N, C-alpha and C. Protein backbone atom coordinates (compact mmCIF):
# COMPACT_ATOMS: atom_id res chain seq x y z
N MET A 1 0.81 -1.19 0.00
CA MET A 1 0.00 0.00 0.00
C MET A 1 0.87 1.26 0.00
N LEU A 2 1.82 1.32 0.90
CA LEU A 2 2.70 2.49 0.95
C LEU A 2 3.54 2.61 -0.31
N GLU A 3 4.00 1.47 -0.81
CA GLU A 3 4.83 1.48 -2.02
C GLU A 3 4.06 2.09 -3.19
N ARG A 4 2.80 1.74 -3.33
CA ARG A 4 1.98 2.32 -4.40
C ARG A 4 1.86 3.83 -4.25
N MET A 5 1.67 4.29 -3.02
CA MET A 5 1.55 5.73 -2.78
C MET A 5 2.85 6.44 -3.15
N PHE A 6 3.99 5.86 -2.74
CA PHE A 6 5.27 6.47 -3.08
C PHE A 6 5.48 6.54 -4.59
N LYS A 7 5.15 5.46 -5.26
CA LYS A 7 5.31 5.43 -6.72
C LYS A 7 4.36 6.42 -7.40
N LYS A 8 3.13 6.48 -6.92
CA LYS A 8 2.14 7.39 -7.50
C LYS A 8 2.61 8.84 -7.42
N HIS A 9 3.20 9.20 -6.29
CA HIS A 9 3.66 10.59 -6.09
C HIS A 9 5.14 10.78 -6.42
N ARG A 10 5.73 9.74 -7.01
CA ARG A 10 7.14 9.77 -7.44
C ARG A 10 8.08 10.16 -6.28
N LEU A 11 7.86 9.52 -5.15
CA LEU A 11 8.69 9.75 -3.97
C LEU A 11 9.73 8.65 -3.85
N LYS A 12 10.92 9.00 -3.39
CA LYS A 12 11.95 7.99 -3.14
C LYS A 12 11.70 7.36 -1.78
N TYR A 13 12.03 6.10 -1.68
CA TYR A 13 11.90 5.41 -0.40
C TYR A 13 12.90 4.28 -0.35
N SER A 14 13.20 3.85 0.85
CA SER A 14 14.08 2.70 1.08
C SER A 14 13.40 1.78 2.07
N LYS A 15 13.60 0.49 1.88
CA LYS A 15 13.06 -0.49 2.81
C LYS A 15 14.23 -1.22 3.46
N TYR A 16 14.13 -1.41 4.77
CA TYR A 16 15.13 -2.18 5.51
C TYR A 16 14.40 -3.25 6.30
N THR A 17 14.95 -4.42 6.30
CA THR A 17 14.38 -5.48 7.11
C THR A 17 14.83 -5.28 8.55
N LEU A 18 14.12 -5.91 9.45
CA LEU A 18 14.51 -5.85 10.86
C LEU A 18 15.89 -6.47 11.05
N THR A 19 16.19 -7.50 10.28
CA THR A 19 17.50 -8.14 10.34
C THR A 19 18.60 -7.17 9.94
N GLU A 20 18.37 -6.37 8.90
CA GLU A 20 19.35 -5.37 8.46
C GLU A 20 19.56 -4.30 9.52
N LEU A 21 18.47 -3.86 10.14
CA LEU A 21 18.58 -2.84 11.19
C LEU A 21 19.38 -3.37 12.38
N LYS A 22 19.05 -4.59 12.78
CA LYS A 22 19.77 -5.19 13.91
C LYS A 22 21.25 -5.37 13.58
N ALA A 23 21.55 -5.82 12.37
CA ALA A 23 22.95 -6.04 11.98
C ALA A 23 23.73 -4.74 11.99
N HIS A 24 23.07 -3.65 11.63
CA HIS A 24 23.76 -2.36 11.58
C HIS A 24 23.99 -1.76 12.97
N TYR A 25 23.02 -1.89 13.85
CA TYR A 25 23.08 -1.22 15.15
C TYR A 25 23.53 -2.09 16.31
N CYS A 26 23.25 -3.37 16.28
CA CYS A 26 23.52 -4.22 17.42
C CYS A 26 24.98 -4.63 17.47
N THR A 27 25.53 -4.62 18.66
CA THR A 27 26.95 -4.89 18.82
C THR A 27 27.25 -6.32 19.26
N THR A 28 26.27 -7.01 19.80
CA THR A 28 26.50 -8.38 20.23
C THR A 28 25.95 -9.34 19.19
N ARG A 29 26.18 -10.60 19.39
CA ARG A 29 25.72 -11.60 18.42
C ARG A 29 24.25 -11.93 18.56
N ARG A 30 23.63 -11.55 19.67
CA ARG A 30 22.24 -11.96 19.87
C ARG A 30 21.26 -11.14 19.04
N HIS A 31 21.57 -9.92 18.70
CA HIS A 31 20.75 -9.08 17.81
C HIS A 31 19.26 -9.15 18.14
N THR A 32 18.89 -8.76 19.33
CA THR A 32 17.48 -8.78 19.72
C THR A 32 16.83 -7.43 19.48
N LYS A 33 15.50 -7.42 19.51
CA LYS A 33 14.78 -6.15 19.37
C LYS A 33 15.10 -5.24 20.54
N ASP A 34 15.26 -5.83 21.72
CA ASP A 34 15.60 -5.02 22.90
C ASP A 34 16.95 -4.35 22.72
N GLU A 35 17.91 -5.08 22.17
CA GLU A 35 19.23 -4.48 21.96
C GLU A 35 19.15 -3.37 20.91
N LEU A 36 18.35 -3.56 19.89
CA LEU A 36 18.17 -2.52 18.88
C LEU A 36 17.61 -1.25 19.54
N MET A 37 16.61 -1.41 20.39
CA MET A 37 16.04 -0.25 21.07
C MET A 37 17.08 0.41 21.97
N GLU A 38 17.87 -0.41 22.64
CA GLU A 38 18.91 0.13 23.52
C GLU A 38 19.94 0.93 22.72
N CYS A 39 20.36 0.42 21.59
CA CYS A 39 21.35 1.11 20.75
C CYS A 39 20.80 2.44 20.23
N ILE A 40 19.53 2.44 19.84
CA ILE A 40 18.91 3.69 19.36
C ILE A 40 18.80 4.68 20.51
N ALA A 41 18.47 4.20 21.70
CA ALA A 41 18.38 5.09 22.86
C ALA A 41 19.74 5.67 23.21
N GLU A 42 20.81 4.92 22.99
CA GLU A 42 22.16 5.45 23.23
C GLU A 42 22.51 6.51 22.19
N LYS A 43 22.08 6.29 20.96
CA LYS A 43 22.37 7.25 19.89
C LYS A 43 21.56 8.53 20.08
N TYR A 44 20.33 8.39 20.53
CA TYR A 44 19.44 9.52 20.76
C TYR A 44 19.01 9.53 22.23
N PRO A 45 19.78 10.18 23.10
CA PRO A 45 19.54 10.14 24.55
C PRO A 45 18.13 10.58 24.97
N ILE A 46 17.48 11.38 24.16
CA ILE A 46 16.13 11.81 24.50
C ILE A 46 15.15 10.63 24.57
N LEU A 47 15.50 9.52 23.92
CA LEU A 47 14.65 8.33 23.89
C LEU A 47 14.92 7.38 25.06
N ARG A 48 15.91 7.67 25.86
CA ARG A 48 16.31 6.77 26.95
C ARG A 48 15.15 6.46 27.90
N LYS A 49 14.39 7.49 28.26
CA LYS A 49 13.28 7.31 29.19
C LYS A 49 12.22 6.36 28.60
N LEU A 50 11.93 6.53 27.30
CA LEU A 50 10.95 5.64 26.65
C LEU A 50 11.49 4.22 26.54
N TYR A 51 12.80 4.10 26.32
CA TYR A 51 13.39 2.76 26.26
C TYR A 51 13.25 2.04 27.59
N LEU A 52 13.56 2.73 28.68
CA LEU A 52 13.44 2.12 30.01
C LEU A 52 12.00 1.74 30.32
N LYS A 53 11.07 2.59 29.91
CA LYS A 53 9.65 2.31 30.11
C LYS A 53 9.25 1.08 29.29
N GLU A 54 9.71 1.02 28.05
CA GLU A 54 9.35 -0.09 27.16
C GLU A 54 9.92 -1.41 27.67
N ARG A 55 11.10 -1.36 28.24
CA ARG A 55 11.74 -2.58 28.75
C ARG A 55 10.93 -3.24 29.84
N ASN A 56 10.19 -2.45 30.59
CA ASN A 56 9.39 -2.98 31.69
C ASN A 56 7.96 -3.31 31.29
N ASN A 57 7.57 -2.99 30.06
CA ASN A 57 6.20 -3.26 29.59
C ASN A 57 6.02 -4.74 29.28
N GLN A 58 4.84 -5.24 29.59
CA GLN A 58 4.50 -6.61 29.22
C GLN A 58 4.17 -6.70 27.74
N ARG A 59 3.51 -5.65 27.24
CA ARG A 59 3.16 -5.60 25.82
C ARG A 59 3.98 -4.49 25.17
N PRO A 60 4.70 -4.81 24.10
CA PRO A 60 5.51 -3.77 23.43
C PRO A 60 4.64 -2.64 22.87
N TYR A 61 4.95 -1.43 23.24
CA TYR A 61 4.18 -0.28 22.80
C TYR A 61 5.01 0.62 21.89
N TYR A 62 6.25 0.90 22.29
CA TYR A 62 7.11 1.80 21.54
C TYR A 62 8.07 1.07 20.59
N GLN A 63 8.01 -0.22 20.53
CA GLN A 63 8.96 -1.01 19.76
C GLN A 63 9.00 -0.59 18.28
N LYS A 64 7.85 -0.45 17.66
CA LYS A 64 7.78 -0.05 16.25
C LYS A 64 8.34 1.36 16.04
N MET A 65 8.13 2.23 17.02
CA MET A 65 8.68 3.58 16.91
C MET A 65 10.21 3.52 16.88
N PHE A 66 10.81 2.71 17.74
CA PHE A 66 12.26 2.56 17.75
C PHE A 66 12.75 1.98 16.43
N GLU A 67 12.01 1.03 15.87
CA GLU A 67 12.39 0.45 14.59
C GLU A 67 12.32 1.50 13.48
N ALA A 68 11.30 2.35 13.50
CA ALA A 68 11.17 3.40 12.50
C ALA A 68 12.31 4.41 12.61
N ILE A 69 12.68 4.76 13.83
CA ILE A 69 13.79 5.69 14.04
C ILE A 69 15.09 5.06 13.56
N ALA A 70 15.27 3.77 13.81
CA ALA A 70 16.47 3.07 13.35
C ALA A 70 16.53 3.09 11.82
N ALA A 71 15.41 2.86 11.17
CA ALA A 71 15.37 2.87 9.70
C ALA A 71 15.68 4.25 9.14
N ALA A 72 15.10 5.29 9.74
CA ALA A 72 15.37 6.65 9.28
C ALA A 72 16.83 7.03 9.49
N SER A 73 17.37 6.62 10.62
CA SER A 73 18.77 6.91 10.91
C SER A 73 19.71 6.18 9.95
N LEU A 74 19.39 4.93 9.65
CA LEU A 74 20.19 4.16 8.70
C LEU A 74 20.09 4.78 7.31
N TYR A 75 18.91 5.21 6.92
CA TYR A 75 18.74 5.87 5.63
C TYR A 75 19.62 7.11 5.53
N GLU A 76 19.63 7.93 6.57
CA GLU A 76 20.49 9.13 6.58
C GLU A 76 21.96 8.76 6.49
N HIS A 77 22.33 7.72 7.20
CA HIS A 77 23.72 7.25 7.18
C HIS A 77 24.13 6.81 5.77
N VAL A 78 23.29 6.03 5.12
CA VAL A 78 23.57 5.54 3.76
C VAL A 78 23.58 6.71 2.77
N LYS A 79 22.64 7.60 2.93
CA LYS A 79 22.52 8.75 2.03
C LYS A 79 23.75 9.66 2.10
N ASN A 80 24.29 9.84 3.30
CA ASN A 80 25.42 10.73 3.50
C ASN A 80 26.77 10.05 3.32
N SER A 81 26.77 8.76 3.04
CA SER A 81 28.04 8.04 2.87
C SER A 81 28.57 8.17 1.46
């Protein structure tokens, strides 16, 4: 659905898998979603409080937000390289 919208409006976009995001940001071999969120929170200290809150949640609430920030950050990194 989003891809069609981007093509219709001739917008550029990039897609990253969760595996690619984890491989880029995670420093250990376990590459978990929690570690991805932790790495993003280290890169952007303003997110630290949300990361700590999310870590204690039974149901993930901010997880997708951290993944989106990781994707945007990786896109900027690739674009500026």
